[in-house]
Amino acid sequence: MLALVSGAADPYRLIGTQRTLLYRELHSLTNQRSRPNSKWELARLLLLEKAAMQLEADLRWLELTEVRLDEIRRQPLPEPEARSAGARREIQRWKVGEATRQQLSDPEEACHSFRPRT
């Protein structure tokens, strides 16, 4: 979508490249499924099937997106949503919380910034 809006790249080419990579991964999974391993066979097969299904879903999504590219291109870009005062406060709280987590991830910084309550 970014390529479509920005014009930085051909979206059809990007979808084609992504499709090629997904088919390569799917082919690799198919090869792995054909190599038996009796010790972990069932668990391994279930995990490989899950991965294959996710790749197939991604391929279907790419097909739908490609079919709709021209329609998407004709639509106007959405305007950014105005944020309410409550949403701005939530963002501010998140930023403060994130800064605190970053300080606490550095033990030396956390020791220096800690001040006991009196």
Foldseek 3Di string as FASTA:
>chain_A
DCCLVVVPDDVVVVLVVVLVVLVVVLVVLVVVLVDDDVVCNPVSVVVSVVSNVVSVVVNVVSVVCVVCSVVVSPDDDDDDDDDDPVRVVVVVVVVVVVVVVVQVVDVVSVVVPDDDDD
